[in-house]
Amino acid sequence: MAILTGRGPTLRPRTLVFVGLLALIAGVWTMSDHAGFLSRVATVEAEVVSVETFDRGEMFSLYRATLRFVTDAGQTVTATALESYRPTTAGERLTIGYDTENPTDARLMDLRDRWLTPVWLVLFAVVTLAVGVRRALVASQDENAGR
């Protein structure tokens, strides 16, 4: 029972465990996607052609840069990178990573972009699962004590 409101928790243990498992699956899938990309990545210097800014009213804006670079095979590629927290400006030159099997899959090689989302999802999953399991155990103990 909640101390301040006198009501029980809104989310039941099963719901928390379900949400935690979904977040864990998403986090592991996202981490494996990043690991797969990093296993095939080649890094080159690229020029930022243009930048889209997404200000969602949150603390941090997201940026999507269009990049121009030359692959190791000598091919000139213009690709739109994944959304990033790293502010960029047109004309800027920076190091990027691209998938050698698919050069249009280019990403800014910023640590926040590579690991922030999957790590956050896994941490959220662990905390949610822990709270759900704890609530289930407490409810089970309360039920057994009432008998």
N, C-alpha and C. Protein backbone atom coordinates (compact mmCIF):
# COMPACT_ATOMS: atom_id res chain seq x y z
N MET A 1 0.84 -1.17 0.00
CA MET A 1 0.00 0.00 0.00
C MET A 1 0.89 1.24 0.00
N ALA A 2 0.56 2.23 -0.78
CA ALA A 2 1.35 3.45 -0.85
C ALA A 2 1.18 4.26 0.42
N ILE A 3 2.24 4.83 0.90
CA ILE A 3 2.24 5.57 2.17
C ILE A 3 1.45 6.87 2.06
N LEU A 4 1.66 7.63 1.00
CA LEU A 4 1.05 8.96 0.91
C LEU A 4 -0.42 8.95 0.50
N THR A 5 -0.79 8.06 -0.37
CA THR A 5 -2.16 8.09 -0.89
C THR A 5 -3.09 7.11 -0.21
N GLY A 6 -2.53 6.10 0.43
CA GLY A 6 -3.37 5.09 1.07
C GLY A 6 -3.94 4.08 0.09
N ARG A 7 -3.54 4.20 -1.19
CA ARG A 7 -4.01 3.26 -2.22
C ARG A 7 -2.87 2.32 -2.59
N GLY A 8 -3.22 1.20 -3.16
CA GLY A 8 -2.22 0.27 -3.65
C GLY A 8 -1.60 0.77 -4.95
N PRO A 9 -0.56 0.14 -5.40
CA PRO A 9 0.10 0.57 -6.64
C PRO A 9 -0.83 0.41 -7.84
N THR A 10 -0.68 1.31 -8.82
CA THR A 10 -1.51 1.28 -10.01
C THR A 10 -1.19 0.10 -10.90
N LEU A 11 0.11 -0.16 -11.09
CA LEU A 11 0.52 -1.26 -11.96
C LEU A 11 0.70 -2.54 -11.16
N ARG A 12 0.08 -3.57 -11.63
CA ARG A 12 0.18 -4.86 -10.97
C ARG A 12 1.53 -5.51 -11.30
N PRO A 13 1.98 -6.43 -10.46
CA PRO A 13 3.28 -7.08 -10.70
C PRO A 13 3.39 -7.72 -12.09
N ARG A 14 2.34 -8.38 -12.54
CA ARG A 14 2.39 -9.02 -13.87
C ARG A 14 2.61 -7.98 -14.98
N THR A 15 1.95 -6.84 -14.84
CA THR A 15 2.10 -5.77 -15.84
C THR A 15 3.54 -5.27 -15.85
N LEU A 16 4.10 -5.04 -14.66
CA LEU A 16 5.48 -4.58 -14.58
C LEU A 16 6.45 -5.59 -15.18
N VAL A 17 6.25 -6.85 -14.89
CA VAL A 17 7.12 -7.89 -15.44
C VAL A 17 6.98 -7.93 -16.96
N PHE A 18 5.77 -7.82 -17.47
CA PHE A 18 5.53 -7.82 -18.92
C PHE A 18 6.24 -6.63 -19.58
N VAL A 19 6.06 -5.43 -19.01
CA VAL A 19 6.71 -4.23 -19.56
C VAL A 19 8.23 -4.38 -19.47
N GLY A 20 8.73 -4.90 -18.36
CA GLY A 20 10.16 -5.12 -18.20
C GLY A 20 10.71 -6.09 -19.23
N LEU A 21 9.98 -7.16 -19.49
CA LEU A 21 10.43 -8.13 -20.50
C LEU A 21 10.44 -7.52 -21.90
N LEU A 22 9.42 -6.73 -22.23
CA LEU A 22 9.40 -6.05 -23.53
C LEU A 22 10.59 -5.09 -23.67
N ALA A 23 10.87 -4.33 -22.62
CA ALA A 23 12.01 -3.39 -22.65
C ALA A 23 13.32 -4.16 -22.76
N LEU A 24 13.42 -5.28 -22.08
CA LEU A 24 14.64 -6.09 -22.17
C LEU A 24 14.85 -6.63 -23.58
N ILE A 25 13.78 -7.11 -24.19
CA ILE A 25 13.87 -7.62 -25.57
C ILE A 25 14.29 -6.49 -26.51
N ALA A 26 13.65 -5.32 -26.37
CA ALA A 26 14.01 -4.18 -27.22
C ALA A 26 15.45 -3.74 -27.00
N GLY A 27 15.88 -3.70 -25.75
CA GLY A 27 17.25 -3.30 -25.44
C GLY A 27 18.28 -4.27 -25.99
N VAL A 28 18.03 -5.56 -25.83
CA VAL A 28 18.96 -6.57 -26.34
C VAL A 28 18.98 -6.54 -27.87
N TRP A 29 17.81 -6.38 -28.49
CA TRP A 29 17.76 -6.31 -29.95
C TRP A 29 18.53 -5.09 -30.45
N THR A 30 18.34 -3.93 -29.80
CA THR A 30 19.04 -2.72 -30.20
C THR A 30 20.53 -2.85 -29.99
N MET A 31 20.95 -3.46 -28.88
CA MET A 31 22.38 -3.68 -28.65
C MET A 31 22.97 -4.61 -29.70
N SER A 32 22.23 -5.66 -30.07
CA SER A 32 22.76 -6.57 -31.08
C SER A 32 22.85 -5.89 -32.44
N ASP A 33 21.89 -4.99 -32.74
CA ASP A 33 21.96 -4.23 -33.98
C ASP A 33 23.21 -3.35 -34.00
N HIS A 34 23.46 -2.67 -32.89
CA HIS A 34 24.65 -1.82 -32.81
C HIS A 34 25.93 -2.66 -32.89
N ALA A 35 25.95 -3.78 -32.21
CA ALA A 35 27.14 -4.64 -32.25
C ALA A 35 27.38 -5.16 -33.67
N GLY A 36 26.30 -5.52 -34.37
CA GLY A 36 26.44 -5.97 -35.76
C GLY A 36 26.99 -4.87 -36.64
N PHE A 37 26.48 -3.66 -36.46
CA PHE A 37 26.98 -2.51 -37.23
C PHE A 37 28.46 -2.28 -36.92
N LEU A 38 28.81 -2.30 -35.65
CA LEU A 38 30.19 -2.03 -35.26
C LEU A 38 31.16 -3.10 -35.76
N SER A 39 30.67 -4.32 -35.98
CA SER A 39 31.54 -5.38 -36.48
C SER A 39 31.87 -5.18 -37.96
N ARG A 40 31.07 -4.40 -38.68
CA ARG A 40 31.29 -4.17 -40.11
C ARG A 40 31.67 -2.73 -40.43
N VAL A 41 31.85 -1.90 -39.42
CA VAL A 41 32.01 -0.47 -39.63
C VAL A 41 33.39 -0.11 -40.19
N ALA A 42 33.37 0.88 -41.06
CA ALA A 42 34.60 1.52 -41.52
C ALA A 42 34.45 3.00 -41.19
N THR A 43 35.49 3.62 -40.72
CA THR A 43 35.39 5.03 -40.36
C THR A 43 36.10 5.88 -41.41
N VAL A 44 35.46 6.99 -41.74
CA VAL A 44 36.01 7.94 -42.71
C VAL A 44 35.62 9.35 -42.27
N GLU A 45 36.27 10.32 -42.89
CA GLU A 45 35.88 11.70 -42.65
C GLU A 45 34.77 12.06 -43.63
N ALA A 46 33.76 12.76 -43.14
CA ALA A 46 32.62 13.13 -43.97
C ALA A 46 32.33 14.61 -43.83
N GLU A 47 31.69 15.15 -44.84
CA GLU A 47 31.23 16.53 -44.78
C GLU A 47 29.73 16.52 -44.52
N VAL A 48 29.30 17.37 -43.60
CA VAL A 48 27.87 17.51 -43.31
C VAL A 48 27.28 18.41 -44.39
N VAL A 49 26.35 17.87 -45.18
CA VAL A 49 25.72 18.62 -46.26
C VAL A 49 24.58 19.47 -45.73
N SER A 50 23.74 18.87 -44.88
CA SER A 50 22.61 19.59 -44.28
C SER A 50 22.24 18.90 -42.97
N VAL A 51 21.46 19.62 -42.17
CA VAL A 51 21.05 19.08 -40.86
C VAL A 51 19.59 19.41 -40.61
N GLU A 52 18.82 18.41 -40.20
CA GLU A 52 17.45 18.62 -39.72
C GLU A 52 17.51 18.60 -38.20
N THR A 53 16.83 19.54 -37.56
CA THR A 53 16.80 19.59 -36.10
C THR A 53 15.39 19.26 -35.64
N PHE A 54 15.31 18.38 -34.67
CA PHE A 54 14.04 17.98 -34.08
C PHE A 54 14.04 18.41 -32.62
N ASP A 55 13.28 19.45 -32.31
CA ASP A 55 13.16 19.92 -30.94
C ASP A 55 11.80 19.47 -30.44
N ARG A 56 11.81 18.43 -29.65
CA ARG A 56 10.55 17.83 -29.18
C ARG A 56 10.13 18.38 -27.83
N GLY A 57 10.67 19.54 -27.46
CA GLY A 57 10.32 20.11 -26.17
C GLY A 57 10.98 19.38 -25.02
N GLU A 58 11.94 18.54 -25.33
CA GLU A 58 12.66 17.81 -24.29
C GLU A 58 13.92 18.57 -23.94
N MET A 59 14.71 18.02 -23.06
CA MET A 59 15.95 18.68 -22.66
C MET A 59 16.95 18.76 -23.80
N PHE A 60 16.97 17.74 -24.65
CA PHE A 60 17.96 17.67 -25.71
C PHE A 60 17.26 17.60 -27.06
N SER A 61 17.82 18.31 -28.02
CA SER A 61 17.31 18.23 -29.39
C SER A 61 17.97 17.07 -30.09
N LEU A 62 17.29 16.56 -31.10
CA LEU A 62 17.85 15.51 -31.96
C LEU A 62 18.22 16.14 -33.30
N TYR A 63 19.26 15.60 -33.91
CA TYR A 63 19.73 16.11 -35.20
C TYR A 63 19.85 14.94 -36.17
N ARG A 64 19.50 15.22 -37.43
CA ARG A 64 19.68 14.21 -38.48
C ARG A 64 20.49 14.88 -39.59
N ALA A 65 21.72 14.43 -39.72
CA ALA A 65 22.64 15.03 -40.68
C ALA A 65 22.66 14.25 -41.98
N THR A 66 22.72 14.97 -43.08
CA THR A 66 22.98 14.37 -44.38
C THR A 66 24.47 14.53 -44.64
N LEU A 67 25.12 13.42 -44.94
CA LEU A 67 26.58 13.37 -45.03
C LEU A 67 27.04 13.02 -46.44
N ARG A 68 28.20 13.54 -46.80
CA ARG A 68 28.84 13.15 -48.06
C ARG A 68 30.25 12.66 -47.71
N PHE A 69 30.58 11.47 -48.21
CA PHE A 69 31.88 10.89 -47.91
C PHE A 69 32.31 9.95 -49.03
N VAL A 70 33.58 9.59 -49.01
CA VAL A 70 34.13 8.65 -49.98
C VAL A 70 34.46 7.37 -49.24
N THR A 71 33.91 6.24 -49.71
CA THR A 71 34.16 4.95 -49.07
C THR A 71 35.59 4.50 -49.33
N ASP A 72 36.00 3.47 -48.63
CA ASP A 72 37.33 2.90 -48.84
C ASP A 72 37.49 2.38 -50.26
N ALA A 73 36.36 2.03 -50.91
CA ALA A 73 36.40 1.52 -52.28
C ALA A 73 36.43 2.67 -53.30
N GLY A 74 36.38 3.92 -52.82
CA GLY A 74 36.45 5.07 -53.72
C GLY A 74 35.10 5.59 -54.19
N GLN A 75 34.03 5.07 -53.71
CA GLN A 75 32.68 5.48 -54.10
C GLN A 75 32.25 6.70 -53.28
N THR A 76 31.75 7.75 -53.94
CA THR A 76 31.22 8.91 -53.23
C THR A 76 29.78 8.64 -52.88
N VAL A 77 29.47 8.78 -51.59
CA VAL A 77 28.13 8.45 -51.09
C VAL A 77 27.56 9.67 -50.36
N THR A 78 26.29 9.94 -50.61
CA THR A 78 25.54 10.91 -49.82
C THR A 78 24.47 10.12 -49.08
N ALA A 79 24.51 10.19 -47.77
CA ALA A 79 23.59 9.40 -46.95
C ALA A 79 23.09 10.21 -45.77
N THR A 80 21.91 9.89 -45.32
CA THR A 80 21.35 10.52 -44.13
C THR A 80 21.66 9.63 -42.94
N ALA A 81 22.33 10.20 -41.96
CA ALA A 81 22.69 9.45 -40.76
C ALA A 81 21.47 9.27 -39.87
N LEU A 82 21.57 8.33 -38.97
CA LEU A 82 20.52 8.15 -37.97
C LEU A 82 20.43 9.40 -37.10
N GLU A 83 19.29 9.59 -36.45
CA GLU A 83 19.14 10.74 -35.56
C GLU A 83 20.19 10.66 -34.47
N SER A 84 20.69 11.84 -34.08
CA SER A 84 21.78 11.91 -33.13
C SER A 84 21.54 13.03 -32.14
N TYR A 85 22.13 12.89 -30.97
CA TYR A 85 22.10 13.97 -29.99
C TYR A 85 23.23 14.96 -30.23
N ARG A 86 24.17 14.62 -31.10
CA ARG A 86 25.32 15.47 -31.36
C ARG A 86 24.92 16.61 -32.29
N PRO A 87 25.05 17.86 -31.82
CA PRO A 87 24.73 18.99 -32.70
C PRO A 87 25.73 19.07 -33.85
N THR A 88 25.25 19.23 -35.04
CA THR A 88 26.11 19.37 -36.21
C THR A 88 25.64 20.56 -37.03
N THR A 89 26.53 21.07 -37.87
CA THR A 89 26.17 22.18 -38.75
C THR A 89 26.64 21.86 -40.16
N ALA A 90 25.92 22.40 -41.15
CA ALA A 90 26.30 22.18 -42.55
C ALA A 90 27.72 22.71 -42.76
N GLY A 91 28.51 21.95 -43.50
CA GLY A 91 29.88 22.33 -43.79
C GLY A 91 30.89 21.73 -42.81
N GLU A 92 30.40 21.23 -41.70
CA GLU A 92 31.29 20.63 -40.70
C GLU A 92 31.87 19.33 -41.24
N ARG A 93 33.11 19.05 -40.88
CA ARG A 93 33.75 17.78 -41.24
C ARG A 93 33.93 16.98 -39.97
N LEU A 94 33.51 15.72 -40.01
CA LEU A 94 33.62 14.88 -38.82
C LEU A 94 33.84 13.44 -39.21
N THR A 95 34.25 12.66 -38.24
CA THR A 95 34.47 11.23 -38.46
C THR A 95 33.14 10.49 -38.28
N ILE A 96 32.82 9.67 -39.25
CA ILE A 96 31.59 8.89 -39.19
C ILE A 96 31.93 7.41 -39.39
N GLY A 97 30.97 6.57 -39.15
CA GLY A 97 31.11 5.16 -39.44
C GLY A 97 30.05 4.77 -40.45
N TYR A 98 30.43 3.90 -41.37
CA TYR A 98 29.43 3.40 -42.32
C TYR A 98 29.59 1.89 -42.42
N ASP A 99 28.49 1.25 -42.75
CA ASP A 99 28.46 -0.20 -42.91
C ASP A 99 29.11 -0.55 -44.23
N THR A 100 30.17 -1.35 -44.21
CA THR A 100 30.88 -1.69 -45.45
C THR A 100 30.00 -2.48 -46.41
N GLU A 101 28.99 -3.17 -45.87
CA GLU A 101 28.08 -3.93 -46.73
C GLU A 101 26.95 -3.06 -47.28
N ASN A 102 26.70 -1.93 -46.63
CA ASN A 102 25.64 -1.01 -47.04
C ASN A 102 26.10 0.42 -46.71
N PRO A 103 26.87 1.04 -47.60
CA PRO A 103 27.44 2.36 -47.30
C PRO A 103 26.42 3.45 -46.99
N THR A 104 25.16 3.28 -47.37
CA THR A 104 24.16 4.30 -47.04
C THR A 104 23.76 4.24 -45.57
N ASP A 105 24.18 3.20 -44.85
CA ASP A 105 23.95 3.12 -43.41
C ASP A 105 25.13 3.78 -42.72
N ALA A 106 25.04 5.11 -42.62
CA ALA A 106 26.12 5.90 -42.02
C ALA A 106 25.65 6.44 -40.67
N ARG A 107 26.56 6.44 -39.72
CA ARG A 107 26.21 6.89 -38.37
C ARG A 107 27.34 7.76 -37.81
N LEU A 108 26.92 8.75 -37.03
CA LEU A 108 27.91 9.54 -36.32
C LEU A 108 28.50 8.64 -35.24
N MET A 109 29.78 8.72 -35.05
CA MET A 109 30.42 7.80 -34.12
C MET A 109 30.53 8.42 -32.72
N ASP A 110 29.42 8.94 -32.24
CA ASP A 110 29.35 9.54 -30.92
C ASP A 110 28.92 8.47 -29.93
N LEU A 111 29.62 8.36 -28.82
CA LEU A 111 29.34 7.33 -27.83
C LEU A 111 27.89 7.38 -27.35
N ARG A 112 27.35 8.59 -27.17
CA ARG A 112 25.96 8.72 -26.70
C ARG A 112 25.00 8.07 -27.68
N ASP A 113 25.25 8.25 -28.97
CA ASP A 113 24.34 7.71 -29.97
C ASP A 113 24.44 6.20 -30.07
N ARG A 114 25.64 5.68 -29.93
CA ARG A 114 25.82 4.25 -30.10
C ARG A 114 25.24 3.44 -28.96
N TRP A 115 25.31 3.94 -27.73
CA TRP A 115 24.94 3.09 -26.60
C TRP A 115 23.86 3.66 -25.69
N LEU A 116 23.47 4.92 -25.86
CA LEU A 116 22.51 5.53 -24.94
C LEU A 116 21.16 4.81 -24.96
N THR A 117 20.59 4.61 -26.12
CA THR A 117 19.26 3.99 -26.20
C THR A 117 19.26 2.55 -25.72
N PRO A 118 20.15 1.68 -26.22
CA PRO A 118 20.08 0.29 -25.75
C PRO A 118 20.40 0.15 -24.26
N VAL A 119 21.35 0.90 -23.75
CA VAL A 119 21.69 0.80 -22.34
C VAL A 119 20.53 1.30 -21.49
N TRP A 120 19.90 2.41 -21.91
CA TRP A 120 18.76 2.93 -21.17
C TRP A 120 17.63 1.90 -21.14
N LEU A 121 17.36 1.27 -22.27
CA LEU A 121 16.29 0.27 -22.31
C LEU A 121 16.59 -0.91 -21.39
N VAL A 122 17.83 -1.38 -21.39
CA VAL A 122 18.19 -2.51 -20.53
C VAL A 122 18.10 -2.11 -19.06
N LEU A 123 18.59 -0.92 -18.70
CA LEU A 123 18.48 -0.47 -17.31
C LEU A 123 17.02 -0.32 -16.89
N PHE A 124 16.20 0.26 -17.76
CA PHE A 124 14.77 0.38 -17.48
C PHE A 124 14.17 -1.00 -17.27
N ALA A 125 14.55 -1.95 -18.12
CA ALA A 125 14.02 -3.32 -18.02
C ALA A 125 14.41 -3.95 -16.69
N VAL A 126 15.65 -3.81 -16.28
CA VAL A 126 16.12 -4.43 -15.04
C VAL A 126 15.37 -3.84 -13.84
N VAL A 127 15.24 -2.52 -13.81
CA VAL A 127 14.54 -1.87 -12.69
C VAL A 127 13.07 -2.28 -12.68
N THR A 128 12.43 -2.27 -13.84
CA THR A 128 11.00 -2.63 -13.92
C THR A 128 10.78 -4.08 -13.52
N LEU A 129 11.64 -4.97 -14.00
CA LEU A 129 11.53 -6.38 -13.62
C LEU A 129 11.74 -6.55 -12.11
N ALA A 130 12.72 -5.86 -11.56
CA ALA A 130 12.99 -5.97 -10.11
C ALA A 130 11.80 -5.50 -9.29
N VAL A 131 11.20 -4.37 -9.68
CA VAL A 131 10.04 -3.86 -8.95
C VAL A 131 8.86 -4.82 -9.10
N GLY A 132 8.65 -5.33 -10.30
CA GLY A 132 7.54 -6.28 -10.53
C GLY A 132 7.70 -7.56 -9.73
N VAL A 133 8.90 -8.12 -9.72
CA VAL A 133 9.15 -9.35 -8.97
C VAL A 133 9.02 -9.09 -7.47
N ARG A 134 9.54 -7.95 -7.00
CA ARG A 134 9.44 -7.63 -5.58
C ARG A 134 7.97 -7.49 -5.17
N ARG A 135 7.19 -6.80 -5.99
CA ARG A 135 5.76 -6.64 -5.67
C ARG A 135 5.04 -7.99 -5.66
N ALA A 136 5.41 -8.86 -6.59
CA ALA A 136 4.79 -10.19 -6.64
C ALA A 136 5.15 -10.98 -5.38
N LEU A 137 6.41 -10.89 -4.95
CA LEU A 137 6.83 -11.61 -3.75
C LEU A 137 6.13 -11.06 -2.51
N VAL A 138 6.03 -9.74 -2.40
CA VAL A 138 5.36 -9.13 -1.24
C VAL A 138 3.89 -9.52 -1.24
N ALA A 139 3.25 -9.49 -2.41
CA ALA A 139 1.83 -9.87 -2.48
C ALA A 139 1.65 -11.33 -2.10
N SER A 140 2.57 -12.17 -2.52
CA SER A 140 2.50 -13.60 -2.18
C SER A 140 2.68 -13.81 -0.68
N GLN A 141 3.63 -13.07 -0.08
CA GLN A 141 3.85 -13.19 1.37
C GLN A 141 2.63 -12.69 2.14
N ASP A 142 2.05 -11.57 1.70
CA ASP A 142 0.86 -11.03 2.34
C ASP A 142 -0.31 -12.01 2.26
N GLU A 143 -0.42 -12.66 1.10
CA GLU A 143 -1.48 -13.63 0.91
C GLU A 143 -1.29 -14.84 1.83
N ASN A 144 -0.05 -15.30 1.94
CA ASN A 144 0.26 -16.45 2.81
C ASN A 144 0.09 -16.10 4.29
N ALA A 145 0.40 -14.84 4.64
CA ALA A 145 0.27 -14.42 6.04
C ALA A 145 -1.19 -14.31 6.45
N GLY A 146 -2.04 -14.00 5.48
CA GLY A 146 -3.48 -13.84 5.74
C GLY A 146 -4.18 -15.17 5.94
N ARG A 147 -3.54 -16.27 5.60
CA ARG A 147 -4.19 -17.59 5.71
C ARG A 147 -4.06 -18.16 7.07
